[in-house]
Amino acid sequence: MSRFLRTLFGIATASLVFLAGVAVGQNQYGQPKTVLHVVALKWKADATDEQKQKAIDGIKEMAATIPGIKNIWLKTDRVQPREYSAAFAIEFENRAAADAYAEHPAHEAWYEI
């Protein structure tokens, strides 16, 4: 094989490897069919740590009680706007589950906490 053909083959191979890397490295995302409910919390100035924990535990209790809840996120690393103290998210299987949650007695009880 001539030097020209080897060089051409090397360039073609390098180009294919590069293009394959670009294709694999592109961001891929999905659009789930679930419904995500995100809430930012602002604790009252006089709220104790015990009261705050009781509210967070209440979210866990709702998730265990209300049908259609798939996941909950309770770890707060960063909240915006900054004057808010905590955040949580609840993932529902579908819109009907999210609607049922809004009027469920366990959800109403959580508001009392």
PDB file of N, CA and C in Angstrom:
ATOM      1  N   MET A   1       0.850  -1.158   0.000  1.00  0.00           N
ATOM      2  CA  MET A   1       0.000   0.000   0.000  1.00  0.00           C
ATOM      3  C   MET A   1       0.897   1.222   0.000  1.00  0.00           C
ATOM      4  N   SER A   2       0.549   2.175  -0.832  1.00  0.00           N
ATOM      5  CA  SER A   2       1.384   3.366  -0.937  1.00  0.00           C
ATOM      6  C   SER A   2       1.213   4.251   0.299  1.00  0.00           C
ATOM      7  N   ARG A   3       2.175   5.107   0.468  1.00  0.00           N
ATOM      8  CA  ARG A   3       2.148   6.026   1.601  1.00  0.00           C
ATOM      9  C   ARG A   3       0.919   6.922   1.531  1.00  0.00           C
ATOM     10  N   PHE A   4       0.538   7.366   0.361  1.00  0.00           N
ATOM     11  CA  PHE A   4      -0.639   8.225   0.179  1.00  0.00           C
ATOM     12  C   PHE A   4      -1.909   7.512   0.637  1.00  0.00           C
ATOM     13  N   LEU A   5      -2.072   6.249   0.267  1.00  0.00           N
ATOM     14  CA  LEU A   5      -3.263   5.500   0.653  1.00  0.00           C
ATOM     15  C   LEU A   5      -3.285   5.242   2.170  1.00  0.00           C
ATOM     16  N   ARG A   6      -2.123   4.976   2.752  1.00  0.00           N
ATOM     17  CA  ARG A   6      -2.064   4.791   4.204  1.00  0.00           C
ATOM     18  C   ARG A   6      -2.451   6.071   4.930  1.00  0.00           C
ATOM     19  N   THR A   7      -1.974   7.201   4.441  1.00  0.00           N
ATOM     20  CA  THR A   7      -2.308   8.497   5.049  1.00  0.00           C
ATOM     21  C   THR A   7      -3.795   8.771   4.903  1.00  0.00           C
ATOM     22  N   LEU A   8      -4.323   8.529   3.720  1.00  0.00           N
ATOM     23  CA  LEU A   8      -5.747   8.739   3.475  1.00  0.00           C
ATOM     24  C   LEU A   8      -6.594   7.829   4.360  1.00  0.00           C
ATOM     25  N   PHE A   9      -6.190   6.578   4.500  1.00  0.00           N
ATOM     26  CA  PHE A   9      -6.892   5.629   5.355  1.00  0.00           C
ATOM     27  C   PHE A   9      -6.822   6.080   6.814  1.00  0.00           C
ATOM     28  N   GLY A  10      -5.671   6.579   7.246  1.00  0.00           N
ATOM     29  CA  GLY A  10      -5.503   7.057   8.621  1.00  0.00           C
ATOM     30  C   GLY A  10      -6.395   8.257   8.904  1.00  0.00           C
ATOM     31  N   ILE A  11      -6.475   9.170   7.967  1.00  0.00           N
ATOM     32  CA  ILE A  11      -7.330  10.357   8.133  1.00  0.00           C
ATOM     33  C   ILE A  11      -8.794   9.943   8.189  1.00  0.00           C
ATOM     34  N   ALA A  12      -9.190   9.026   7.298  1.00  0.00           N
ATOM     35  CA  ALA A  12     -10.580   8.570   7.274  1.00  0.00           C
ATOM     36  C   ALA A  12     -10.931   7.866   8.587  1.00  0.00           C
ATOM     37  N   THR A  13     -10.031   7.030   9.098  1.00  0.00           N
ATOM     38  CA  THR A  13     -10.272   6.328  10.353  1.00  0.00           C
ATOM     39  C   THR A  13     -10.375   7.306  11.512  1.00  0.00           C
ATOM     40  N   ALA A  14      -9.471   8.265  11.576  1.00  0.00           N
ATOM     41  CA  ALA A  14      -9.488   9.263  12.645  1.00  0.00           C
ATOM     42  C   ALA A  14     -10.779  10.089  12.583  1.00  0.00           C
ATOM     43  N   SER A  15     -11.211  10.422  11.382  1.00  0.00           N
ATOM     44  CA  SER A  15     -12.447  11.186  11.227  1.00  0.00           C
ATOM     45  C   SER A  15     -13.656  10.397  11.718  1.00  0.00           C
ATOM     46  N   LEU A  16     -13.705   9.119  11.386  1.00  0.00           N
ATOM     47  CA  LEU A  16     -14.813   8.284  11.844  1.00  0.00           C
ATOM     48  C   LEU A  16     -14.828   8.144  13.363  1.00  0.00           C
ATOM     49  N   VAL A  17     -13.654   7.968  13.943  1.00  0.00           N
ATOM     50  CA  VAL A  17     -13.575   7.855  15.402  1.00  0.00           C
ATOM     51  C   VAL A  17     -14.028   9.159  16.045  1.00  0.00           C
ATOM     52  N   PHE A  18     -13.605  10.289  15.502  1.00  0.00           N
ATOM     53  CA  PHE A  18     -14.004  11.590  16.032  1.00  0.00           C
ATOM     54  C   PHE A  18     -15.512  11.778  15.939  1.00  0.00           C
ATOM     55  N   LEU A  19     -16.086  11.496  14.784  1.00  0.00           N
ATOM     56  CA  LEU A  19     -17.528  11.664  14.603  1.00  0.00           C
ATOM     57  C   LEU A  19     -18.332  10.724  15.502  1.00  0.00           C
ATOM     58  N   ALA A  20     -17.830   9.518  15.703  1.00  0.00           N
ATOM     59  CA  ALA A  20     -18.506   8.586  16.609  1.00  0.00           C
ATOM     60  C   ALA A  20     -18.472   9.128  18.039  1.00  0.00           C
ATOM     61  N   GLY A  21     -17.359   9.716  18.429  1.00  0.00           N
ATOM     62  CA  GLY A  21     -17.243  10.312  19.756  1.00  0.00           C
ATOM     63  C   GLY A  21     -18.185  11.483  19.939  1.00  0.00           C
ATOM     64  N   VAL A  22     -18.326  12.299  18.911  1.00  0.00           N
ATOM     65  CA  VAL A  22     -19.259  13.429  18.981  1.00  0.00           C
ATOM     66  C   VAL A  22     -20.682  12.919  19.129  1.00  0.00           C
ATOM     67  N   ALA A  23     -21.038  11.904  18.359  1.00  0.00           N
ATOM     68  CA  ALA A  23     -22.399  11.369  18.421  1.00  0.00           C
ATOM     69  C   ALA A  23     -22.698  10.774  19.798  1.00  0.00           C
ATOM     70  N   VAL A  24     -21.756  10.076  20.371  1.00  0.00           N
ATOM     71  CA  VAL A  24     -21.968   9.452  21.674  1.00  0.00           C
ATOM     72  C   VAL A  24     -21.969  10.502  22.774  1.00  0.00           C
ATOM     73  N   GLY A  25     -21.163  11.545  22.638  1.00  0.00           N
ATOM     74  CA  GLY A  25     -21.012  12.545  23.676  1.00  0.00           C
ATOM     75  C   GLY A  25     -22.093  13.614  23.715  1.00  0.00           C
ATOM     76  N   GLN A  26     -22.995  13.639  22.758  1.00  0.00           N
ATOM     77  CA  GLN A  26     -24.033  14.657  22.753  1.00  0.00           C
ATOM     78  C   GLN A  26     -24.991  14.433  23.915  1.00  0.00           C
ATOM     79  N   ASN A  27     -25.485  15.541  24.462  1.00  0.00           N
ATOM     80  CA  ASN A  27     -26.477  15.438  25.538  1.00  0.00           C
ATOM     81  C   ASN A  27     -27.725  14.760  25.017  1.00  0.00           C
ATOM     82  N   GLN A  28     -28.172  13.809  25.763  1.00  0.00           N
ATOM     83  CA  GLN A  28     -29.418  13.150  25.430  1.00  0.00           C
ATOM     84  C   GLN A  28     -30.313  13.268  26.649  1.00  0.00           C
ATOM     85  N   TYR A  29     -31.528  13.594  26.420  1.00  0.00           N
ATOM     86  CA  TYR A  29     -32.454  13.739  27.524  1.00  0.00           C
ATOM     87  C   TYR A  29     -33.804  13.185  27.123  1.00  0.00           C
ATOM     88  N   GLY A  30     -34.563  12.867  28.110  1.00  0.00           N
ATOM     89  CA  GLY A  30     -35.903  12.353  27.865  1.00  0.00           C
ATOM     90  C   GLY A  30     -36.927  13.287  28.468  1.00  0.00           C
ATOM     91  N   GLN A  31     -38.144  13.097  28.124  1.00  0.00           N
ATOM     92  CA  GLN A  31     -39.240  13.848  28.702  1.00  0.00           C
ATOM     93  C   GLN A  31     -40.201  12.840  29.321  1.00  0.00           C
ATOM     94  N   PRO A  32     -40.018  12.593  30.629  1.00  0.00           N
ATOM     95  CA  PRO A  32     -40.832  11.579  31.279  1.00  0.00           C
ATOM     96  C   PRO A  32     -42.315  11.923  31.234  1.00  0.00           C
ATOM     97  N   LYS A  33     -43.122  10.921  31.374  1.00  0.00           N
ATOM     98  CA  LYS A  33     -44.572  11.101  31.391  1.00  0.00           C
ATOM     99  C   LYS A  33     -45.075  11.412  32.795  1.00  0.00           C
ATOM    100  N   THR A  34     -44.177  11.369  33.768  1.00  0.00           N
ATOM    101  CA  THR A  34     -44.561  11.646  35.145  1.00  0.00           C
ATOM    102  C   THR A  34     -44.761  13.143  35.354  1.00  0.00           C
ATOM    103  N   VAL A  35     -45.337  13.487  36.519  1.00  0.00           N
ATOM    104  CA  VAL A  35     -45.576  14.884  36.883  1.00  0.00           C
ATOM    105  C   VAL A  35     -44.699  15.197  38.084  1.00  0.00           C
ATOM    106  N   LEU A  36     -43.968  16.295  38.025  1.00  0.00           N
ATOM    107  CA  LEU A  36     -43.067  16.687  39.101  1.00  0.00           C
ATOM    108  C   LEU A  36     -43.615  17.941  39.787  1.00  0.00           C
ATOM    109  N   HIS A  37     -43.780  17.844  41.099  1.00  0.00           N
ATOM    110  CA  HIS A  37     -44.292  18.937  41.934  1.00  0.00           C
ATOM    111  C   HIS A  37     -43.124  19.434  42.778  1.00  0.00           C
ATOM    112  N   VAL A  38     -42.717  20.689  42.612  1.00  0.00           N
ATOM    113  CA  VAL A  38     -41.564  21.240  43.312  1.00  0.00           C
ATOM    114  C   VAL A  38     -42.035  22.372  44.218  1.00  0.00           C
ATOM    115  N   VAL A  39     -41.575  22.352  45.474  1.00  0.00           N
ATOM    116  CA  VAL A  39     -41.996  23.340  46.461  1.00  0.00           C
ATOM    117  C   VAL A  39     -40.762  23.921  47.152  1.00  0.00           C
ATOM    118  N   ALA A  40     -40.725  25.249  47.254  1.00  0.00           N
ATOM    119  CA  ALA A  40     -39.705  25.922  48.053  1.00  0.00           C
ATOM    120  C   ALA A  40     -40.354  26.338  49.367  1.00  0.00           C
ATOM    121  N   LEU A  41     -39.689  26.046  50.469  1.00  0.00           N
ATOM    122  CA  LEU A  41     -40.235  26.332  51.796  1.00  0.00           C
ATOM    123  C   LEU A  41     -39.502  27.509  52.432  1.00  0.00           C
ATOM    124  N   LYS A  42     -40.257  28.316  53.127  1.00  0.00           N
ATOM    125  CA  LYS A  42     -39.688  29.404  53.907  1.00  0.00           C
ATOM    126  C   LYS A  42     -40.145  29.192  55.344  1.00  0.00           C
ATOM    127  N   TRP A  43     -39.206  28.778  56.196  1.00  0.00           N
ATOM    128  CA  TRP A  43     -39.559  28.510  57.580  1.00  0.00           C
ATOM    129  C   TRP A  43     -39.885  29.811  58.289  1.00  0.00           C
ATOM    130  N   LYS A  44     -40.820  29.742  59.227  1.00  0.00           N
ATOM    131  CA  LYS A  44     -41.102  30.894  60.081  1.00  0.00           C
ATOM    132  C   LYS A  44     -39.868  31.152  60.942  1.00  0.00           C
ATOM    133  N   ALA A  45     -39.670  32.396  61.320  1.00  0.00           N
ATOM    134  CA  ALA A  45     -38.481  32.765  62.092  1.00  0.00           C
ATOM    135  C   ALA A  45     -38.389  31.994  63.400  1.00  0.00           C
ATOM    136  N   ASP A  46     -39.517  31.670  63.995  1.00  0.00           N
ATOM    137  CA  ASP A  46     -39.494  30.977  65.286  1.00  0.00           C
ATOM    138  C   ASP A  46     -39.611  29.458  65.163  1.00  0.00           C
ATOM    139  N   ALA A  47     -39.526  28.922  63.958  1.00  0.00           N
ATOM    140  CA  ALA A  47     -39.617  27.467  63.771  1.00  0.00           C
ATOM    141  C   ALA A  47     -38.395  26.789  64.375  1.00  0.00           C
ATOM    142  N   THR A  48     -38.652  25.760  65.167  1.00  0.00           N
ATOM    143  CA  THR A  48     -37.557  25.006  65.782  1.00  0.00           C
ATOM    144  C   THR A  48     -37.063  23.929  64.814  1.00  0.00           C
ATOM    145  N   ASP A  49     -35.894  23.407  65.105  1.00  0.00           N
ATOM    146  CA  ASP A  49     -35.369  22.312  64.282  1.00  0.00           C
ATOM    147  C   ASP A  49     -36.293  21.105  64.346  1.00  0.00           C
ATOM    148  N   GLU A  50     -36.895  20.875  65.501  1.00  0.00           N
ATOM    149  CA  GLU A  50     -37.831  19.759  65.662  1.00  0.00           C
ATOM    150  C   GLU A  50     -39.064  19.937  64.767  1.00  0.00           C
ATOM    151  N   GLN A  51     -39.573  21.146  64.696  1.00  0.00           N
ATOM    152  CA  GLN A  51     -40.732  21.418  63.837  1.00  0.00           C
ATOM    153  C   GLN A  51     -40.369  21.241  62.356  1.00  0.00           C
ATOM    154  N   LYS A  52     -39.196  21.702  61.992  1.00  0.00           N
ATOM    155  CA  LYS A  52     -38.743  21.553  60.604  1.00  0.00           C
ATOM    156  C   LYS A  52     -38.627  20.070  60.242  1.00  0.00           C
ATOM    157  N   GLN A  53     -38.036  19.293  61.146  1.00  0.00           N
ATOM    158  CA  GLN A  53     -37.881  17.859  60.887  1.00  0.00           C
ATOM    159  C   GLN A  53     -39.231  17.173  60.803  1.00  0.00           C
ATOM    160  N   LYS A  54     -40.178  17.596  61.632  1.00  0.00           N
ATOM    161  CA  LYS A  54     -41.514  17.012  61.606  1.00  0.00           C
ATOM    162  C   LYS A  54     -42.188  17.277  60.255  1.00  0.00           C
ATOM    163  N   ALA A  55     -41.978  18.460  59.704  1.00  0.00           N
ATOM    164  CA  ALA A  55     -42.549  18.777  58.390  1.00  0.00           C
ATOM    165  C   ALA A  55     -41.927  17.899  57.299  1.00  0.00           C
ATOM    166  N   ILE A  56     -40.613  17.720  57.348  1.00  0.00           N
ATOM    167  CA  ILE A  56     -39.930  16.870  56.363  1.00  0.00           C
ATOM    168  C   ILE A  56     -40.380  15.421  56.516  1.00  0.00           C
ATOM    169  N   ASP A  57     -40.487  14.960  57.762  1.00  0.00           N
ATOM    170  CA  ASP A  57     -40.962  13.589  57.991  1.00  0.00           C
ATOM    171  C   ASP A  57     -42.393  13.420  57.486  1.00  0.00           C
ATOM    172  N   GLY A  58     -43.180  14.475  57.580  1.00  0.00           N
ATOM    173  CA  GLY A  58     -44.552  14.436  57.068  1.00  0.00           C
ATOM    174  C   GLY A  58     -44.600  14.204  55.567  1.00  0.00           C
ATOM    175  N   ILE A  59     -43.606  14.719  54.852  1.00  0.00           N
ATOM    176  CA  ILE A  59     -43.527  14.478  53.399  1.00  0.00           C
ATOM    177  C   ILE A  59     -43.297  12.996  53.139  1.00  0.00           C
ATOM    178  N   LYS A  60     -42.436  12.390  53.929  1.00  0.00           N
ATOM    179  CA  LYS A  60     -42.179  10.952  53.802  1.00  0.00           C
ATOM    180  C   LYS A  60     -43.448  10.155  54.083  1.00  0.00           C
ATOM    181  N   GLU A  61     -44.184  10.574  55.104  1.00  0.00           N
ATOM    182  CA  GLU A  61     -45.431   9.883  55.449  1.00  0.00           C
ATOM    183  C   GLU A  61     -46.449  10.008  54.322  1.00  0.00           C
ATOM    184  N   MET A  62     -46.542  11.198  53.714  1.00  0.00           N
ATOM    185  CA  MET A  62     -47.458  11.366  52.581  1.00  0.00           C
ATOM    186  C   MET A  62     -47.083  10.425  51.448  1.00  0.00           C
ATOM    187  N   ALA A  63     -45.793  10.332  51.176  1.00  0.00           N
ATOM    188  CA  ALA A  63     -45.334   9.477  50.075  1.00  0.00           C
ATOM    189  C   ALA A  63     -45.691   8.021  50.324  1.00  0.00           C
ATOM    190  N   ALA A  64     -45.677   7.611  51.584  1.00  0.00           N
ATOM    191  CA  ALA A  64     -46.008   6.230  51.925  1.00  0.00           C
ATOM    192  C   ALA A  64     -47.509   5.984  51.919  1.00  0.00           C
ATOM    193  N   THR A  65     -48.298   7.053  52.039  1.00  0.00           N
ATOM    194  CA  THR A  65     -49.749   6.930  52.191  1.00  0.00           C
ATOM    195  C   THR A  65     -50.522   7.184  50.902  1.00  0.00           C
ATOM    196  N   ILE A  66     -50.102   8.174  50.142  1.00  0.00           N
ATOM    197  CA  ILE A  66     -50.873   8.622  48.980  1.00  0.00           C
ATOM    198  C   ILE A  66     -50.490   7.802  47.750  1.00  0.00           C
ATOM    199  N   PRO A  67     -51.457   7.154  47.116  1.00  0.00           N
ATOM    200  CA  PRO A  67     -51.160   6.368  45.908  1.00  0.00           C
ATOM    201  C   PRO A  67     -50.684   7.265  44.762  1.00  0.00           C
ATOM    202  N   GLY A  68     -49.814   6.710  43.942  1.00  0.00           N
ATOM    203  CA  GLY A  68     -49.370   7.407  42.737  1.00  0.00           C
ATOM    204  C   GLY A  68     -48.103   8.216  42.897  1.00  0.00           C
ATOM    205  N   ILE A  69     -47.536   8.259  44.117  1.00  0.00           N
ATOM    206  CA  ILE A  69     -46.266   8.960  44.315  1.00  0.00           C
ATOM    207  C   ILE A  69     -45.140   7.977  44.008  1.00  0.00           C
ATOM    208  N   LYS A  70     -44.272   8.350  43.063  1.00  0.00           N
ATOM    209  CA  LYS A  70     -43.163   7.481  42.668  1.00  0.00           C
ATOM    210  C   LYS A  70     -41.901   7.767  43.464  1.00  0.00           C
ATOM    211  N   ASN A  71     -41.564   9.046  43.620  1.00  0.00           N
ATOM    212  CA  ASN A  71     -40.316   9.441  44.269  1.00  0.00           C
ATOM    213  C   ASN A  71     -40.513  10.748  45.004  1.00  0.00           C
ATOM    214  N   ILE A  72     -39.652  10.969  46.014  1.00  0.00           N
ATOM    215  CA  ILE A  72     -39.587  12.271  46.668  1.00  0.00           C
ATOM    216  C   ILE A  72     -38.120  12.677  46.766  1.00  0.00           C
ATOM    217  N   TRP A  73     -37.874  13.964  46.682  1.00  0.00           N
ATOM    218  CA  TRP A  73     -36.533  14.522  46.850  1.00  0.00           C
ATOM    219  C   TRP A  73     -36.595  15.469  48.032  1.00  0.00           C
ATOM    220  N   LEU A  74     -35.772  15.207  49.031  1.00  0.00           N
ATOM    221  CA  LEU A  74     -35.805  15.996  50.255  1.00  0.00           C
ATOM    222  C   LEU A  74     -34.480  16.682  50.565  1.00  0.00           C
ATOM    223  N   LYS A  75     -33.441  16.334  49.878  1.00  0.00           N
ATOM    224  CA  LYS A  75     -32.131  16.917  50.152  1.00  0.00           C
ATOM    225  C   LYS A  75     -32.057  18.304  49.515  1.00  0.00           C
ATOM    226  N   THR A  76     -31.867  19.299  50.356  1.00  0.00           N
ATOM    227  CA  THR A  76     -31.801  20.672  49.874  1.00  0.00           C
ATOM    228  C   THR A  76     -30.347  21.121  49.847  1.00  0.00           C
ATOM    229  N   ASP A  77     -29.824  21.324  48.656  1.00  0.00           N
ATOM    230  CA  ASP A  77     -28.463  21.843  48.521  1.00  0.00           C
ATOM    231  C   ASP A  77     -28.472  23.337  48.207  1.00  0.00           C
ATOM    232  N   ARG A  78     -29.426  23.731  47.380  1.00  0.00           N
ATOM    233  CA  ARG A  78     -29.484  25.128  46.972  1.00  0.00           C
ATOM    234  C   ARG A  78     -30.929  25.453  46.631  1.00  0.00           C
ATOM    235  N   VAL A  79     -31.425  26.574  47.147  1.00  0.00           N
ATOM    236  CA  VAL A  79     -32.802  26.969  46.913  1.00  0.00           C
ATOM    237  C   VAL A  79     -32.810  28.381  46.354  1.00  0.00           C
ATOM    238  N   GLN A  80     -33.658  28.601  45.387  1.00  0.00           N
ATOM    239  CA  GLN A  80     -33.864  29.945  44.866  1.00  0.00           C
ATOM    240  C   GLN A  80     -35.340  30.246  44.909  1.00  0.00           C
ATOM    241  N   PRO A  81     -35.746  31.422  45.279  1.00  0.00           N
ATOM    242  CA  PRO A  81     -34.952  32.564  45.726  1.00  0.00           C
ATOM    243  C   PRO A  81     -34.236  32.265  47.042  1.00  0.00           C
ATOM    244  N   ARG A  82     -33.175  32.967  47.285  1.00  0.00           N
ATOM    245  CA  ARG A  82     -32.289  32.675  48.414  1.00  0.00           C
ATOM    246  C   ARG A  82     -32.937  32.841  49.777  1.00  0.00           C
ATOM    247  N   GLU A  83     -33.994  33.626  49.874  1.00  0.00           N
ATOM    248  CA  GLU A  83     -34.632  33.806  51.183  1.00  0.00           C
ATOM    249  C   GLU A  83     -35.444  32.592  51.607  1.00  0.00           C
ATOM    250  N   TYR A  84     -35.582  31.604  50.727  1.00  0.00           N
ATOM    251  CA  TYR A  84     -36.256  30.356  51.092  1.00  0.00           C
ATOM    252  C   TYR A  84     -35.249  29.416  51.726  1.00  0.00           C
ATOM    253  N   SER A  85     -35.738  28.553  52.619  1.00  0.00           N
ATOM    254  CA  SER A  85     -34.857  27.747  53.457  1.00  0.00           C
ATOM    255  C   SER A  85     -34.664  26.314  52.988  1.00  0.00           C
ATOM    256  N   ALA A  86     -35.671  25.746  52.360  1.00  0.00           N
ATOM    257  CA  ALA A  86     -35.629  24.335  51.993  1.00  0.00           C
ATOM    258  C   ALA A  86     -36.496  24.126  50.757  1.00  0.00           C
ATOM    259  N   ALA A  87     -36.378  22.957  50.200  1.00  0.00           N
ATOM    260  CA  ALA A  87     -37.199  22.611  49.040  1.00  0.00           C
ATOM    261  C   ALA A  87     -37.417  21.109  49.028  1.00  0.00           C
ATOM    262  N   PHE A  88     -38.491  20.710  48.366  1.00  0.00           N
ATOM    263  CA  PHE A  88     -38.723  19.292  48.142  1.00  0.00           C
ATOM    264  C   PHE A  88     -39.449  19.129  46.827  1.00  0.00           C
ATOM    265  N   ALA A  89     -39.377  17.927  46.302  1.00  0.00           N
ATOM    266  CA  ALA A  89     -40.072  17.615  45.057  1.00  0.00           C
ATOM    267  C   ALA A  89     -40.733  16.251  45.216  1.00  0.00           C
ATOM    268  N   ILE A  90     -41.904  16.144  44.600  1.00  0.00           N
ATOM    269  CA  ILE A  90     -42.635  14.879  44.593  1.00  0.00           C
ATOM    270  C   ILE A  90     -42.910  14.521  43.144  1.00  0.00           C
ATOM    271  N   GLU A  91     -42.561  13.298  42.763  1.00  0.00           N
ATOM    272  CA  GLU A  91     -42.832  12.806  41.412  1.00  0.00           C
ATOM    273  C   GLU A  91     -44.059  11.900  41.461  1.00  0.00           C
ATOM    274  N   PHE A  92     -45.034  12.221  40.619  1.00  0.00           N
ATOM    275  CA  PHE A  92     -46.265  11.448  40.531  1.00  0.00           C
ATOM    276  C   PHE A  92     -46.267  10.637  39.248  1.00  0.00           C
ATOM    277  N   GLU A  93     -46.950   9.504  39.287  1.00  0.00           N
ATOM    278  CA  GLU A  93     -47.036   8.640  38.111  1.00  0.00           C
ATOM    279  C   GLU A  93     -47.696   9.343  36.927  1.00  0.00           C
ATOM    280  N   ASN A  94     -48.674  10.207  37.219  1.00  0.00           N
ATOM    281  CA  ASN A  94     -49.396  10.900  36.148  1.00  0.00           C
ATOM    282  C   ASN A  94     -50.169  12.078  36.732  1.00  0.00           C
ATOM    283  N   ARG A  95     -50.877  12.796  35.894  1.00  0.00           N
ATOM    284  CA  ARG A  95     -51.638  13.969  36.310  1.00  0.00           C
ATOM    285  C   ARG A  95     -52.744  13.585  37.304  1.00  0.00           C
ATOM    286  N   ALA A  96     -53.392  12.468  37.075  1.00  0.00           N
ATOM    287  CA  ALA A  96     -54.469  12.038  37.968  1.00  0.00           C
ATOM    288  C   ALA A  96     -53.941  11.823  39.385  1.00  0.00           C
ATOM    289  N   ALA A  97     -52.777  11.244  39.531  1.00  0.00           N
ATOM    290  CA  ALA A  97     -52.179  11.031  40.853  1.00  0.00           C
ATOM    291  C   ALA A  97     -51.842  12.365  41.520  1.00  0.00           C
ATOM    292  N   ALA A  98     -51.333  13.311  40.745  1.00  0.00           N
ATOM    293  CA  ALA A  98     -51.022  14.640  41.294  1.00  0.00           C
ATOM    294  C   ALA A  98     -52.295  15.345  41.745  1.00  0.00           C
ATOM    295  N   ASP A  99     -53.355  15.223  40.963  1.00  0.00           N
ATOM    296  CA  ASP A  99     -54.629  15.834  41.332  1.00  0.00           C
ATOM    297  C   ASP A  99     -55.204  15.196  42.590  1.00  0.00           C
ATOM    298  N   ALA A 100     -55.091  13.883  42.716  1.00  0.00           N
ATOM    299  CA  ALA A 100     -55.598  13.182  43.897  1.00  0.00           C
ATOM    300  C   ALA A 100     -54.810  13.597  45.141  1.00  0.00           C
ATOM    301  N   TYR A 101     -53.517  13.788  45.004  1.00  0.00           N
ATOM    302  CA  TYR A 101     -52.663  14.229  46.112  1.00  0.00           C
ATOM    303  C   TYR A 101     -53.126  15.573  46.654  1.00  0.00           C
ATOM    304  N   ALA A 102     -53.493  16.476  45.766  1.00  0.00           N
ATOM    305  CA  ALA A 102     -53.862  17.830  46.169  1.00  0.00           C
ATOM    306  C   ALA A 102     -55.034  17.843  47.141  1.00  0.00           C
ATOM    307  N   GLU A 103     -55.918  16.832  47.055  1.00  0.00           N
ATOM    308  CA  GLU A 103     -57.105  16.806  47.907  1.00  0.00           C
ATOM    309  C   GLU A 103     -57.108  15.630  48.887  1.00  0.00           C
ATOM    310  N   HIS A 104     -56.009  14.918  48.966  1.00  0.00           N
ATOM    311  CA  HIS A 104     -55.930  13.754  49.847  1.00  0.00           C
ATOM    312  C   HIS A 104     -55.872  14.204  51.312  1.00  0.00           C
ATOM    313  N   PRO A 105     -56.549  13.486  52.223  1.00  0.00           N
ATOM    314  CA  PRO A 105     -56.523  13.843  53.648  1.00  0.00           C
ATOM    315  C   PRO A 105     -55.108  13.905  54.246  1.00  0.00           C
ATOM    316  N   ALA A 106     -54.210  13.043  53.786  1.00  0.00           N
ATOM    317  CA  ALA A 106     -52.833  13.070  54.297  1.00  0.00           C
ATOM    318  C   ALA A 106     -52.131  14.363  53.910  1.00  0.00           C
ATOM    319  N   HIS A 107     -52.455  14.880  52.741  1.00  0.00           N
ATOM    320  CA  HIS A 107     -51.878  16.151  52.301  1.00  0.00           C
ATOM    321  C   HIS A 107     -52.437  17.293  53.137  1.00  0.00           C
ATOM    322  N   GLU A 108     -53.726  17.258  53.370  1.00  0.00           N
ATOM    323  CA  GLU A 108     -54.363  18.278  54.220  1.00  0.00           C
ATOM    324  C   GLU A 108     -53.780  18.247  55.628  1.00  0.00           C
ATOM    325  N   ALA A 109     -53.533  17.046  56.169  1.00  0.00           N
ATOM    326  CA  ALA A 109     -52.965  16.908  57.513  1.00  0.00           C
ATOM    327  C   ALA A 109     -51.553  17.475  57.557  1.00  0.00           C
ATOM    328  N   TRP A 110     -50.798  17.312  56.455  1.00  0.00           N
ATOM    329  CA  TRP A 110     -49.438  17.830  56.407  1.00  0.00           C
ATOM    330  C   TRP A 110     -49.425  19.346  56.532  1.00  0.00           C
ATOM    331  N   TYR A 111     -50.412  20.007  55.932  1.00  0.00           N
ATOM    332  CA  TYR A 111     -50.497  21.463  56.039  1.00  0.00           C
ATOM    333  C   TYR A 111     -50.621  21.903  57.491  1.00  0.00           C
ATOM    334  N   GLU A 112     -51.268  21.093  58.312  1.00  0.00           N
ATOM    335  CA  GLU A 112     -51.430  21.456  59.712  1.00  0.00           C
ATOM    336  C   GLU A 112     -50.109  21.432  60.463  1.00  0.00           C
ATOM    337  N   ILE A 113     -49.172  20.638  59.982  1.00  0.00           N
ATOM    338  CA  ILE A 113     -47.836  20.572  60.628  1.00  0.00           C
ATOM    339  C   ILE A 113     -47.135  21.891  60.415  1.00  0.00           C
TER     340      ILE A 113
END
